[in-house]
Amino acid sequence: MACKVLVVCGSPVVASVDLLRRLAGECDHVVAVDRGLDALLGAGLGCDVYVGDADTVSDAGRALVDAATDFEVERHDPYKDYTDLALALDSVRRRWPGAEVVATCVTGGRPDMALSVLGLLVGYEDAPVWIDEDETTARILHGGESWTIEGAEGKTFSIIAIAPNTEVSEHGLEWELDHASLGLLADTGISNVVRGTARIKVHQGVAIGYLLHQGFIGTVDKNNRS
């Protein structure tokens, strides 16, 4: 059976201690990506593997990397051709083929980095990919993949096509879609409302679904979702 790997990235917006501890407890392995090691240390957690060039990790974290005995280190030259996350995902592929990935500490900070992170996670097609933060749980869905959401009545759900020619169905929400074509980065699937057990299916293309943990944000209006 394939395992689940938590990848803690280096966003300056750090996930809460409670979330990090929960995610670490649900996953089989933990990978710290550069400054992500500090987030783990702040939650009283360790990692199985550290990947990065150590340019953003704290002095205390760098000292642990330099003298690591309790975890493996894949340290890279800062003048490299790939980001630390790209190298971390390669490490996951090598170490745990077919592993499901849960990424956290990925969505804050620079918008250019956020887009790059999304692109890297979309490119990981080995198994399901989740982005889990305190305010949002997201799932990247390639053609043929689906997501069933339970116990989220009244919460906001959005789905956005992140590849051309994306076709989606969604049921159990205020506004349902049946094999609908979504334009690339179009707003058709923004700010929906979960009304029961929701089932999201991407028939072709690639989309990302976002479940906001708080209640519905916006005005319930079939002509204007936001």
Protein backbone atom coordinates (compact mmCIF):
# COMPACT_ATOMS: atom_id res chain seq x y z
CA MET A 1 0.00 0.00 0.00
CA ALA A 2 1.30 3.46 -0.90
CA CYS A 3 2.19 5.73 1.99
CA LYS A 4 1.35 9.34 2.76
CA VAL A 5 4.10 11.96 3.03
CA LEU A 6 3.79 15.35 4.71
CA VAL A 7 5.87 18.00 2.93
CA VAL A 8 6.36 21.08 5.11
CA CYS A 9 7.41 23.95 2.90
CA GLY A 10 9.09 27.25 3.70
CA SER A 11 6.33 29.82 3.47
CA PRO A 12 6.74 32.69 5.96
CA VAL A 13 3.07 32.11 6.85
CA VAL A 14 3.44 29.08 9.11
CA ALA A 15 0.73 26.54 9.80
CA SER A 16 -0.49 26.32 13.38
CA VAL A 17 1.01 23.91 15.85
CA ASP A 18 -2.28 22.00 16.05
CA LEU A 19 -2.46 21.55 12.29
CA LEU A 20 1.16 20.48 11.96
CA ARG A 21 0.79 17.94 14.73
CA ARG A 22 -2.41 16.55 13.24
CA LEU A 23 -0.94 16.25 9.76
CA ALA A 24 2.26 14.66 11.03
CA GLY A 25 0.18 12.13 12.95
CA GLU A 26 -1.81 11.26 9.83
CA CYS A 27 1.23 10.78 7.58
CA ASP A 28 3.83 8.03 7.41
CA HIS A 29 6.82 10.28 6.69
CA VAL A 30 7.69 13.97 7.07
CA VAL A 31 9.88 15.99 4.72
CA ALA A 32 11.10 19.44 5.79
CA VAL A 33 11.78 21.86 2.95
CA ASP A 34 14.37 24.42 4.09
CA ARG A 35 12.58 26.84 6.47
CA GLY A 36 9.86 24.23 6.89
CA LEU A 37 12.18 22.64 9.46
CA ASP A 38 11.63 25.66 11.72
CA ALA A 39 7.86 25.20 11.50
CA LEU A 40 8.24 21.58 12.59
CA LEU A 41 10.62 22.44 15.42
CA GLY A 42 8.18 25.08 16.63
CA ALA A 43 5.52 22.38 16.90
CA GLY A 44 7.84 20.05 18.75
CA LEU A 45 8.14 17.78 15.72
CA GLY A 46 10.99 16.33 13.73
CA CYS A 47 11.33 15.08 10.19
CA ASP A 48 12.56 12.03 8.33
CA VAL A 49 14.31 14.02 5.60
CA TYR A 50 15.50 17.60 5.23
CA VAL A 51 15.79 18.97 1.69
CA GLY A 52 17.09 22.41 0.87
CA ASP A 53 19.99 24.80 0.53
CA ALA A 54 19.61 26.11 4.11
CA ASP A 55 19.31 29.71 2.96
CA THR A 56 16.10 30.50 4.87
CA VAL A 57 16.19 28.10 7.82
CA SER A 58 17.07 29.65 11.18
CA ASP A 59 20.53 29.42 12.69
CA ALA A 60 19.23 26.83 15.14
CA GLY A 61 17.71 24.81 12.32
CA ARG A 62 20.89 25.06 10.26
CA ALA A 63 22.91 23.79 13.20
CA LEU A 64 20.63 20.75 13.40
CA VAL A 65 21.06 20.15 9.69
CA ASP A 66 24.83 20.43 9.97
CA ALA A 67 24.96 17.88 12.78
CA ALA A 68 21.96 15.75 11.78
CA THR A 69 21.80 12.29 13.30
CA ASP A 70 18.03 11.78 13.70
CA PHE A 71 17.05 12.59 10.10
CA GLU A 72 18.55 12.39 6.64
CA VAL A 73 19.80 15.50 4.89
CA GLU A 74 19.73 16.32 1.18
CA ARG A 75 21.53 19.64 1.16
CA HIS A 76 21.94 21.55 -2.08
CA ASP A 77 24.06 24.42 -3.30
CA PRO A 78 22.10 27.73 -3.25
CA TYR A 79 23.19 28.31 -6.89
CA LYS A 80 21.06 25.45 -8.16
CA ASP A 81 18.67 25.20 -11.09
CA TYR A 82 15.66 23.96 -9.13
CA THR A 83 13.66 25.18 -6.15
CA ASP A 84 13.85 23.35 -2.85
CA LEU A 85 10.28 22.07 -3.30
CA ALA A 86 11.09 20.60 -6.73
CA LEU A 87 14.02 18.76 -5.17
CA ALA A 88 11.86 17.63 -2.25
CA LEU A 89 9.23 16.15 -4.57
CA ASP A 90 11.98 14.33 -6.45
CA SER A 91 13.15 12.95 -3.11
CA VAL A 92 9.64 11.74 -2.32
CA ARG A 93 9.45 9.98 -5.69
CA ARG A 94 12.76 8.22 -5.12
CA ARG A 95 12.16 7.22 -1.53
CA TRP A 96 8.46 6.37 -1.55
CA PRO A 97 7.24 5.68 -5.10
CA GLY A 98 3.54 6.36 -5.52
CA ALA A 99 3.26 8.21 -2.20
CA GLU A 100 0.33 10.52 -1.56
CA VAL A 101 1.54 14.04 -0.79
CA VAL A 102 0.13 16.47 1.77
CA ALA A 103 1.77 19.91 1.49
CA THR A 104 1.52 22.64 4.11
CA CYS A 105 3.14 26.04 4.71
CA VAL A 106 2.91 26.62 0.97
CA THR A 107 0.36 29.37 0.33
CA GLY A 108 1.71 32.49 2.06
CA GLY A 109 4.41 34.95 1.15
CA ARG A 110 5.35 35.86 -2.42
CA PRO A 111 2.65 35.43 -5.09
CA ASP A 112 5.20 34.35 -7.70
CA MET A 113 6.41 31.57 -5.43
CA ALA A 114 2.81 30.53 -4.72
CA LEU A 115 2.17 30.06 -8.45
CA SER A 116 5.40 28.14 -8.85
CA VAL A 117 4.49 25.88 -5.94
CA LEU A 118 1.10 25.15 -7.49
CA GLY A 119 2.78 24.28 -10.78
CA LEU A 120 5.18 21.88 -9.06
CA LEU A 121 2.38 20.16 -7.15
CA VAL A 122 0.30 19.83 -10.32
CA GLY A 123 3.30 18.14 -11.93
CA TYR A 124 3.35 15.48 -9.20
CA GLU A 125 1.02 12.98 -10.88
CA ASP A 126 2.19 9.91 -8.98
CA ALA A 127 -0.68 9.98 -6.44
CA PRO A 128 -3.20 12.39 -4.87
CA VAL A 129 -1.88 15.79 -3.80
CA TRP A 130 -3.40 17.87 -1.01
CA ILE A 131 -2.65 21.37 0.24
CA ASP A 132 -3.67 21.69 3.88
CA GLU A 133 -3.55 25.01 5.70
CA ASP A 134 -5.41 26.35 8.72
CA GLU A 135 -8.05 28.12 6.65
CA THR A 136 -8.27 25.88 3.58
CA THR A 137 -7.96 22.31 2.40
CA ALA A 138 -7.27 21.97 -1.32
CA ARG A 139 -7.03 18.96 -3.62
CA ILE A 140 -5.44 18.87 -7.06
CA LEU A 141 -7.56 16.74 -9.36
CA HIS A 142 -6.30 15.35 -12.66
CA GLY A 143 -8.60 13.85 -15.27
CA GLY A 144 -10.35 10.78 -13.87
CA GLU A 145 -9.87 11.76 -10.21
CA SER A 146 -12.63 12.65 -7.76
CA TRP A 147 -13.07 14.09 -4.26
CA THR A 148 -15.93 13.27 -1.88
CA ILE A 149 -16.47 15.86 0.87
CA GLU A 150 -18.52 14.97 3.93
CA GLY A 151 -19.48 16.95 7.02
CA ALA A 152 -18.89 20.35 5.44
CA GLU A 153 -22.44 21.67 5.04
CA GLY A 154 -22.58 25.44 4.71
CA LYS A 155 -18.91 25.86 3.88
CA THR A 156 -17.49 27.57 0.82
CA PHE A 157 -16.15 25.43 -2.00
CA SER A 158 -14.43 26.63 -5.16
CA ILE A 159 -12.98 24.79 -8.11
CA ILE A 160 -10.66 26.35 -10.67
CA ALA A 161 -9.35 24.88 -13.90
CA ILE A 162 -5.56 25.01 -13.99
CA ALA A 163 -5.17 23.36 -17.40
CA PRO A 164 -6.92 23.96 -20.73
CA ASN A 165 -9.87 21.78 -21.77
CA THR A 166 -10.91 20.94 -18.22
CA GLU A 167 -14.30 19.28 -17.71
CA VAL A 168 -15.88 18.99 -14.27
CA SER A 169 -18.97 17.64 -12.52
CA GLU A 170 -19.93 18.59 -8.98
CA HIS A 171 -22.94 17.51 -6.94
CA GLY A 172 -24.11 18.18 -3.40
CA LEU A 173 -23.49 21.92 -3.72
CA GLU A 174 -25.77 24.92 -4.19
CA TRP A 175 -24.81 25.19 -7.86
CA GLU A 176 -24.15 21.87 -9.54
CA LEU A 177 -22.21 21.14 -12.71
CA ASP A 178 -22.55 18.15 -15.04
CA HIS A 179 -19.62 17.59 -17.39
CA ALA A 180 -19.17 21.36 -17.57
CA SER A 181 -16.23 22.90 -19.39
CA LEU A 182 -14.25 25.29 -17.21
CA GLY A 183 -12.11 27.94 -18.84
CA LEU A 184 -8.49 28.11 -17.72
CA LEU A 185 -8.45 30.09 -14.43
CA ALA A 186 -12.06 31.13 -15.05
CA ASP A 187 -14.39 32.05 -12.18
CA THR A 188 -17.24 29.68 -13.04
CA GLY A 189 -16.60 27.47 -10.02
CA ILE A 190 -15.83 30.18 -7.46
CA SER A 191 -17.70 30.55 -4.14
CA ASN A 192 -20.10 27.64 -4.20
CA VAL A 193 -21.82 26.33 -1.05
CA VAL A 194 -21.71 22.78 0.25
CA ARG A 195 -25.26 21.51 0.86
CA GLY A 196 -24.60 17.87 1.74
CA THR A 197 -22.16 15.17 0.77
CA ALA A 198 -20.32 16.81 -2.11
CA ARG A 199 -18.84 14.82 -4.97
CA ILE A 200 -16.37 16.52 -7.29
CA LYS A 201 -15.16 14.78 -10.46
CA VAL A 202 -12.68 16.02 -13.04
CA HIS A 203 -13.33 14.18 -16.28
CA GLN A 204 -10.44 15.71 -18.20
CA GLY A 205 -7.83 18.39 -17.71
CA VAL A 206 -6.69 19.50 -14.25
CA ALA A 207 -8.46 21.51 -11.57
CA ILE A 208 -7.87 22.50 -7.97
CA GLY A 209 -10.69 22.38 -5.46
CA TYR A 210 -10.64 24.57 -2.35
CA LEU A 211 -12.72 23.87 0.75
CA LEU A 212 -12.71 26.86 3.11
CA HIS A 213 -12.93 25.80 6.74
CA GLN A 214 -15.11 28.70 7.82
CA GLY A 215 -18.72 29.18 6.76
CA PHE A 216 -19.91 30.56 3.46
CA ILE A 217 -18.29 33.82 2.41
CA GLY A 218 -20.43 36.00 0.18
CA THR A 219 -24.05 36.38 -0.82
CA VAL A 220 -26.13 33.40 -1.85
CA ASP A 221 -27.35 34.62 -5.23
CA LYS A 222 -27.59 32.39 -8.29
CA ASN A 223 -26.66 35.31 -10.52
CA ASN A 224 -23.69 36.48 -8.47
CA ARG A 225 -21.75 34.02 -6.35
CA SER A 226 -19.49 36.48 -4.62
